[in-house]
C-alpha atoms as a PDB file:
ATOM      1  CA  MET A   1     -11.853 156.206 103.514  1.00  0.00           C
ATOM      2  CA  SER A   2     -10.809 154.026 106.411  1.00  0.00           C
ATOM      3  CA  ASP A   3     -12.358 154.595 109.818  1.00  0.00           C
ATOM      4  CA  HIS A   4     -13.726 151.240 111.042  1.00  0.00           C
ATOM      5  CA  PHE A   5     -17.354 152.322 110.565  1.00  0.00           C
ATOM      6  CA  SER A   6     -16.957 155.261 112.953  1.00  0.00           C
ATOM      7  CA  GLY A   7     -17.975 158.015 110.519  1.00  0.00           C
ATOM      8  CA  PRO A   8     -21.394 158.783 109.022  1.00  0.00           C
ATOM      9  CA  ARG A   9     -20.310 157.918 105.473  1.00  0.00           C
ATOM     10  CA  ALA A  10     -19.052 154.492 106.548  1.00  0.00           C
ATOM     11  CA  LEU A  11     -22.219 153.837 108.552  1.00  0.00           C
ATOM     12  CA  ALA A  12     -24.383 154.797 105.589  1.00  0.00           C
ATOM     13  CA  GLY A  13     -22.374 152.645 103.192  1.00  0.00           C
ATOM     14  CA  PRO A  14     -20.285 149.959 104.926  1.00  0.00           C
ATOM     15  CA  ALA A  15     -19.320 148.516 101.525  1.00  0.00           C
ATOM     16  CA  ALA A  16     -17.083 151.564 101.078  1.00  0.00           C
ATOM     17  CA  ASP A  17     -15.471 151.338 104.509  1.00  0.00           C
ATOM     18  CA  ILE A  18     -11.837 150.251 104.103  1.00  0.00           C
ATOM     19  CA  THR A  19     -11.206 148.567 107.424  1.00  0.00           C
ATOM     20  CA  ASP A  20      -7.587 147.581 106.806  1.00  0.00           C
ATOM     21  CA  LEU A  21      -4.889 147.602 104.137  1.00  0.00           C
ATOM     22  CA  TRP A  22      -1.846 145.342 103.972  1.00  0.00           C
ATOM     23  CA  ALA A  23       1.229 145.173 101.737  1.00  0.00           C
ATOM     24  CA  PHE A  24       3.943 142.577 102.367  1.00  0.00           C
ATOM     25  CA  PRO A  25       6.230 140.120 100.531  1.00  0.00           C
ATOM     26  CA  SER A  26       4.617 136.782  99.780  1.00  0.00           C
ATOM     27  CA  PRO A  27       5.800 134.109 102.270  1.00  0.00           C
ATOM     28  CA  GLN A  28       5.804 131.537  99.447  1.00  0.00           C
ATOM     29  CA  ARG A  29       7.359 133.827  96.802  1.00  0.00           C
ATOM     30  CA  PRO A  30       9.374 136.625  98.453  1.00  0.00           C
ATOM     31  CA  ASP A  31       9.889 138.327  95.092  1.00  0.00           C
ATOM     32  CA  HIS A  32       6.119 138.901  94.835  1.00  0.00           C
ATOM     33  CA  LEU A  33       4.171 141.595  96.680  1.00  0.00           C
ATOM     34  CA  VAL A  34       0.868 140.788  98.404  1.00  0.00           C
ATOM     35  CA  LEU A  35      -1.755 143.551  98.469  1.00  0.00           C
ATOM     36  CA  ALA A  36      -4.850 143.024 100.617  1.00  0.00           C
ATOM     37  CA  MET A  37      -7.771 145.319 101.380  1.00  0.00           C
ATOM     38  CA  GLY A  38     -10.516 144.711 103.943  1.00  0.00           C
ATOM     39  CA  VAL A  39     -13.995 146.167 103.334  1.00  0.00           C
ATOM     40  CA  GLN A  40     -17.473 145.613 104.784  1.00  0.00           C
ATOM     41  CA  PRO A  41     -16.681 145.193 108.490  1.00  0.00           C
ATOM     42  CA  ALA A  42     -18.422 142.255 110.189  1.00  0.00           C
ATOM     43  CA  ALA A  43     -19.524 140.776 106.831  1.00  0.00           C
ATOM     44  CA  MET A  44     -21.363 137.472 107.172  1.00  0.00           C
ATOM     45  CA  PRO A  45     -21.789 134.550 104.730  1.00  0.00           C
ATOM     46  CA  GLY A  46     -23.843 135.728 101.788  1.00  0.00           C
ATOM     47  CA  ALA A  47     -22.422 139.271 101.861  1.00  0.00           C
ATOM     48  CA  ARG A  48     -21.605 140.726  98.455  1.00  0.00           C
ATOM     49  CA  PHE A  49     -19.325 143.448  97.187  1.00  0.00           C
ATOM     50  CA  SER A  50     -20.861 146.623  95.837  1.00  0.00           C
ATOM     51  CA  GLU A  51     -20.830 146.861  92.047  1.00  0.00           C
ATOM     52  CA  ALA A  52     -20.771 150.670  92.404  1.00  0.00           C
ATOM     53  CA  ILE A  53     -17.361 150.748  94.097  1.00  0.00           C
ATOM     54  CA  THR A  54     -13.882 150.218  92.647  1.00  0.00           C
ATOM     55  CA  CYS A  55     -11.246 149.088  95.136  1.00  0.00           C
ATOM     56  CA  ARG A  56      -7.984 150.749  94.101  1.00  0.00           C
ATOM     57  CA  PHE A  57      -4.378 150.219  95.136  1.00  0.00           C
ATOM     58  CA  ARG A  58      -2.008 153.058  94.235  1.00  0.00           C
ATOM     59  CA  LEU A  59       1.691 152.295  94.573  1.00  0.00           C
ATOM     60  CA  ARG A  60       4.174 155.146  94.519  1.00  0.00           C
ATOM     61  CA  PRO A  61       7.919 155.313  95.212  1.00  0.00           C
ATOM     62  CA  LEU A  62       8.866 156.696  98.602  1.00  0.00           C
ATOM     63  CA  THR A  63      12.080 158.565  99.281  1.00  0.00           C
ATOM     64  CA  ILE A  64      13.200 158.834 102.883  1.00  0.00           C
ATOM     65  CA  SER A  65      14.776 162.230 103.499  1.00  0.00           C
ATOM     66  CA  GLY A  66      16.031 162.882 107.000  1.00  0.00           C
ATOM     67  CA  ALA A  67      13.321 162.254 109.569  1.00  0.00           C
ATOM     68  CA  SER A  68      10.411 163.133 107.245  1.00  0.00           C
ATOM     69  CA  PHE A  69       8.494 160.934 104.814  1.00  0.00           C
ATOM     70  CA  PRO A  70       7.335 163.220 101.992  1.00  0.00           C
ATOM     71  CA  PHE A  71       4.367 161.946 100.028  1.00  0.00           C
ATOM     72  CA  ALA A  72       3.302 163.697  96.841  1.00  0.00           C
ATOM     73  CA  PRO A  73       2.012 162.727  93.399  1.00  0.00           C
ATOM     74  CA  GLU A  74       4.722 161.100  91.342  1.00  0.00           C
ATOM     75  CA  ALA A  75       5.115 160.618  87.625  1.00  0.00           C
ATOM     76  CA  GLU A  76       5.778 156.941  88.329  1.00  0.00           C
ATOM     77  CA  GLU A  77       2.725 155.240  89.809  1.00  0.00           C
ATOM     78  CA  LEU A  78       1.321 151.708  89.677  1.00  0.00           C
ATOM     79  CA  VAL A  79      -2.454 151.329  89.908  1.00  0.00           C
ATOM     80  CA  VAL A  80      -4.349 148.099  90.531  1.00  0.00           C
ATOM     81  CA  ASP A  81      -8.149 148.293  90.334  1.00  0.00           C
ATOM     82  CA  CYS A  82     -10.631 145.645  91.466  1.00  0.00           C
ATOM     83  CA  GLY A  83     -14.345 145.803  90.705  1.00  0.00           C
ATOM     84  CA  PHE A  84     -17.445 143.663  90.893  1.00  0.00           C
ATOM     85  CA  ALA A  85     -20.529 142.886  88.837  1.00  0.00           C
ATOM     86  CA  ALA A  86     -24.020 142.684  90.274  1.00  0.00           C
ATOM     87  CA  PRO A  87     -24.703 139.212  91.746  1.00  0.00           C
ATOM     88  CA  GLY A  88     -26.704 136.932  89.473  1.00  0.00           C
ATOM     89  CA  PRO A  89     -28.144 133.405  89.631  1.00  0.00           C
ATOM     90  CA  ALA A  90     -26.039 130.564  88.289  1.00  0.00           C
ATOM     91  CA  GLY A  91     -26.727 126.878  87.953  1.00  0.00           C
ATOM     92  CA  SER A  92     -29.978 124.983  88.256  1.00  0.00           C
ATOM     93  CA  ASN A  93     -30.509 125.888  91.917  1.00  0.00           C
ATOM     94  CA  GLY A  94     -30.305 129.631  91.275  1.00  0.00           C
ATOM     95  CA  THR A  95     -27.423 130.219  93.670  1.00  0.00           C
ATOM     96  CA  LEU A  96     -26.214 133.819  93.499  1.00  0.00           C
ATOM     97  CA  VAL A  97     -22.745 134.238  92.030  1.00  0.00           C
ATOM     98  CA  GLN A  98     -20.764 137.466  91.771  1.00  0.00           C
ATOM     99  CA  ASP A  99     -18.163 137.996  89.077  1.00  0.00           C
ATOM    100  CA  ALA A 100     -15.142 140.198  89.709  1.00  0.00           C
ATOM    101  CA  TRP A 101     -12.248 141.670  87.787  1.00  0.00           C
ATOM    102  CA  CYS A 102      -8.787 142.988  88.527  1.00  0.00           C
ATOM    103  CA  LYS A 103      -7.037 145.423  86.201  1.00  0.00           C
ATOM    104  CA  VAL A 104      -3.268 145.461  86.579  1.00  0.00           C
ATOM    105  CA  PRO A 105      -0.792 148.263  85.703  1.00  0.00           C
ATOM    106  CA  SER A 106      -0.127 146.761  82.254  1.00  0.00           C
ATOM    107  CA  GLY A 107      -3.787 147.326  81.365  1.00  0.00           C
ATOM    108  CA  GLU A 108      -4.616 143.610  81.313  1.00  0.00           C
ATOM    109  CA  THR A 109      -7.677 142.377  83.192  1.00  0.00           C
ATOM    110  CA  VAL A 110      -7.945 139.190  85.264  1.00  0.00           C
ATOM    111  CA  ARG A 111     -11.490 137.915  85.803  1.00  0.00           C
ATOM    112  CA  PHE A 112     -12.600 135.652  88.641  1.00  0.00           C
ATOM    113  CA  VAL A 113     -15.559 134.694  90.843  1.00  0.00           C
ATOM    114  CA  VAL A 114     -16.074 136.049  94.353  1.00  0.00           C
ATOM    115  CA  GLY A 115     -15.523 133.378  96.978  1.00  0.00           C
ATOM    116  CA  ASP A 116     -13.598 131.005  94.698  1.00  0.00           C
ATOM    117  CA  ALA A 117     -10.801 129.794  96.957  1.00  0.00           C
ATOM    118  CA  GLN A 118      -8.461 129.332  93.979  1.00  0.00           C
ATOM    119  CA  GLY A 119      -9.061 132.830  92.688  1.00  0.00           C
ATOM    120  CA  ALA A 120      -7.650 133.480  89.232  1.00  0.00           C
ATOM    121  CA  THR A 121      -4.167 133.833  87.793  1.00  0.00           C
ATOM    122  CA  GLY A 122      -3.122 135.924  84.835  1.00  0.00           C
ATOM    123  CA  ALA A 123      -1.052 138.918  83.740  1.00  0.00           C
ATOM    124  CA  GLY A 124       1.508 138.059  86.418  1.00  0.00           C
ATOM    125  CA  VAL A 125      -0.945 138.289  89.349  1.00  0.00           C
ATOM    126  CA  ARG A 126      -3.253 136.069  91.372  1.00  0.00           C
ATOM    127  CA  ALA A 127      -6.541 137.672  92.409  1.00  0.00           C
ATOM    128  CA  TYR A 128      -9.031 136.647  95.088  1.00  0.00           C
ATOM    129  CA  ALA A 129     -12.041 138.319  96.718  1.00  0.00           C
ATOM    130  CA  GLY A 130     -14.250 136.872  99.423  1.00  0.00           C
ATOM    131  CA  LEU A 131     -14.724 136.367 103.143  1.00  0.00           C
ATOM    132  CA  ARG A 132     -11.657 136.218 105.345  1.00  0.00           C
ATOM    133  CA  ALA A 133     -11.269 136.303 109.120  1.00  0.00           C
ATOM    134  CA  ASP A 134      -9.488 139.335 110.554  1.00  0.00           C
ATOM    135  CA  PRO A 135      -7.851 138.429 113.896  1.00  0.00           C
ATOM    136  CA  PHE A 136      -7.000 142.082 114.576  1.00  0.00           C
ATOM    137  CA  PHE A 137     -10.538 143.399 114.261  1.00  0.00           C
ATOM    138  CA  LEU A 138     -11.524 144.380 117.785  1.00  0.00           C
ATOM    139  CA  ASP A 139     -14.260 146.948 117.150  1.00  0.00           C
ATOM    140  CA  VAL A 140     -17.186 144.539 116.904  1.00  0.00           C
ATOM    141  CA  PRO A 141     -19.357 143.483 119.868  1.00  0.00           C
ATOM    142  CA  ALA A 142     -18.475 140.288 121.688  1.00  0.00           C
ATOM    143  CA  TRP A 143     -19.485 137.170 119.802  1.00  0.00           C
ATOM    144  CA  GLY A 144     -22.853 135.755 120.831  1.00  0.00           C
ATOM    145  CA  GLU A 145     -24.249 139.145 121.852  1.00  0.00           C
ATOM    146  CA  SER A 146     -26.711 141.415 120.075  1.00  0.00           C
ATOM    147  CA  VAL A 147     -27.511 145.101 120.260  1.00  0.00           C
ATOM    148  CA  GLN A 148     -30.534 146.058 122.363  1.00  0.00           C
ATOM    149  CA  ALA A 149     -32.035 149.498 122.940  1.00  0.00           C
ATOM    150  CA  VAL A 150     -33.363 150.937 126.199  1.00  0.00           C
ATOM    151  CA  VAL A 151     -35.648 153.907 125.600  1.00  0.00           C
ATOM    152  CA  VAL A 152     -37.138 156.536 127.907  1.00  0.00           C
ATOM    153  CA  LEU A 153     -39.968 158.335 126.112  1.00  0.00           C
ATOM    154  CA  ARG A 154     -40.455 162.034 126.579  1.00  0.00           C
ATOM    155  CA  GLU A 155     -43.434 163.128 128.610  1.00  0.00           C
ATOM    156  CA  ALA A 156     -46.590 162.568 126.552  1.00  0.00           C
ATOM    157  CA  GLY A 157     -44.418 160.933 123.869  1.00  0.00           C
ATOM    158  CA  ALA A 158     -45.457 157.758 122.074  1.00  0.00           C
ATOM    159  CA  ALA A 159     -43.601 155.235 119.925  1.00  0.00           C
ATOM    160  CA  SER A 160     -43.729 151.502 119.365  1.00  0.00           C
ATOM    161  CA  GLU A 161     -40.856 149.051 119.177  1.00  0.00           C
ATOM    162  CA  ALA A 162     -41.595 148.433 115.487  1.00  0.00           C
ATOM    163  CA  GLU A 163     -41.524 152.175 114.718  1.00  0.00           C
ATOM    164  CA  LEU A 164     -38.161 152.674 116.417  1.00  0.00           C
ATOM    165  CA  LEU A 165     -36.587 149.639 114.739  1.00  0.00           C
ATOM    166  CA  GLU A 166     -37.839 150.839 111.364  1.00  0.00           C
ATOM    167  CA  TRP A 167     -36.462 154.319 112.057  1.00  0.00           C
ATOM    168  CA  CYS A 168     -33.006 152.840 112.668  1.00  0.00           C
ATOM    169  CA  LYS A 169     -32.908 151.232 109.215  1.00  0.00           C
ATOM    170  CA  GLY A 170     -30.920 153.342 106.788  1.00  0.00           C
ATOM    171  CA  ARG A 171     -29.476 155.410 109.635  1.00  0.00           C
ATOM    172  CA  ILE A 172     -27.418 152.830 111.517  1.00  0.00           C
ATOM    173  CA  ALA A 173     -25.261 150.032 110.120  1.00  0.00           C
ATOM    174  CA  SER A 174     -27.004 146.644 110.307  1.00  0.00           C
ATOM    175  CA  PHE A 175     -24.549 145.220 112.851  1.00  0.00           C
ATOM    176  CA  LYS A 176     -25.132 148.232 115.129  1.00  0.00           C
ATOM    177  CA  ARG A 177     -28.929 148.295 114.873  1.00  0.00           C
ATOM    178  CA  PRO A 178     -30.872 147.140 117.953  1.00  0.00           C
ATOM    179  CA  LYS A 179     -32.705 143.857 117.684  1.00  0.00           C
ATOM    180  CA  SER A 180     -35.311 144.827 120.271  1.00  0.00           C
ATOM    181  CA  VAL A 181     -36.378 147.776 122.393  1.00  0.00           C
ATOM    182  CA  LEU A 182     -37.040 147.936 126.133  1.00  0.00           C
ATOM    183  CA  PHE A 183     -39.153 150.896 127.280  1.00  0.00           C
ATOM    184  CA  VAL A 184     -38.598 152.145 130.819  1.00  0.00           C
ATOM    185  CA  ALA A 185     -39.841 155.118 132.770  1.00  0.00           C
ATOM    186  CA  GLU A 186     -37.273 157.726 133.780  1.00  0.00           C
ATOM    187  CA  SER A 187     -37.858 156.816 137.411  1.00  0.00           C
ATOM    188  CA  GLU A 188     -36.940 153.195 136.605  1.00  0.00           C
ATOM    189  CA  MET A 189     -33.682 154.010 134.858  1.00  0.00           C
ATOM    190  CA  PRO A 190     -30.906 152.662 137.109  1.00  0.00           C
ATOM    191  CA  ARG A 191     -28.442 155.412 137.969  1.00  0.00           C
ATOM    192  CA  THR A 192     -25.545 155.896 140.321  1.00  0.00           C
ATOM    193  CA  ALA A 193     -25.482 158.523 143.053  1.00  0.00           C
ATOM    194  CA  THR A 194     -23.890 160.905 140.555  1.00  0.00           C
ATOM    195  CA  GLY A 195     -26.580 160.304 137.940  1.00  0.00           C
ATOM    196  CA  LYS A 196     -24.678 158.015 135.588  1.00  0.00           C
ATOM    197  CA  ILE A 197     -26.609 155.178 133.984  1.00  0.00           C
ATOM    198  CA  GLN A 198     -25.768 151.745 135.377  1.00  0.00           C
ATOM    199  CA  HIS A 199     -25.288 149.842 132.152  1.00  0.00           C
ATOM    200  CA  ARG A 200     -24.579 146.562 133.891  1.00  0.00           C
ATOM    201  CA  VAL A 201     -28.007 146.660 135.545  1.00  0.00           C
ATOM    202  CA  LEU A 202     -29.649 147.326 132.185  1.00  0.00           C
ATOM    203  CA  ARG A 203     -27.639 144.501 130.678  1.00  0.00           C
ATOM    204  CA  ASP A 204     -28.918 142.097 133.341  1.00  0.00           C
ATOM    205  CA  ARG A 205     -32.511 143.223 132.746  1.00  0.00           C
ATOM    206  CA  LEU A 206     -32.209 142.615 129.024  1.00  0.00           C
ATOM    207  CA  ALA A 207     -30.638 139.199 129.598  1.00  0.00           C
ATOM    208  CA  ALA A 208     -33.493 138.244 131.942  1.00  0.00           C
ATOM    209  CA  ARG A 209     -36.003 139.498 129.387  1.00  0.00           C
ATOM    210  CA  ALA A 210     -34.411 137.412 126.631  1.00  0.00           C
ATOM    211  CA  LYS A 211     -34.526 134.248 128.771  1.00  0.00           C
ATOM    212  CA  ALA A 212     -38.211 134.847 129.510  1.00  0.00           C
ATOM    213  CA  VAL A 213     -39.099 134.882 125.805  1.00  0.00           C
ATOM    214  CA  PRO A 214     -39.926 131.334 124.680  1.00  0.00           C
END
């Protein structure tokens, strides 16, 4: 699937969220095709690939007929699969290392290490997996900001900040989970004359609250 963490399945398992897919001729070797897949939106250093997921490229011939672009299973199809092992310690300092593999259409397998800038070459391909910046990714919050929650409890309701933050775990992707909770009474919720919440006012309150915390 590919929905930029907008659907429930992607939120529950961001490792399976295909954020982008590219296919283009190599600038250095125009007779070679570059295939690139982006997963785990907003991944930070230390992020690992899921060993339960196989990233698959399926290449099929496309025939342009009139103004339509028919797409149907073809007898001729090239499949490239990439998978990952569970991270394990390596070296004397116990640094976690994740091994990866890439199976090409010929059936041969190229093995490499996640994050190795040189990747691995074999069977006519060069394979790499690791962190890369995506300049077109505009769905994440502005850099330097964090998610905060403003909560109005129901009448006679009770909940603590710790309880609400714990409740969010497993239900909301980590980069969308609030870092803190601000409780306000309904009468204190800033609203416009038409009843809409004034988010800028709430934003200023949260900023002031953050500055007040030593």
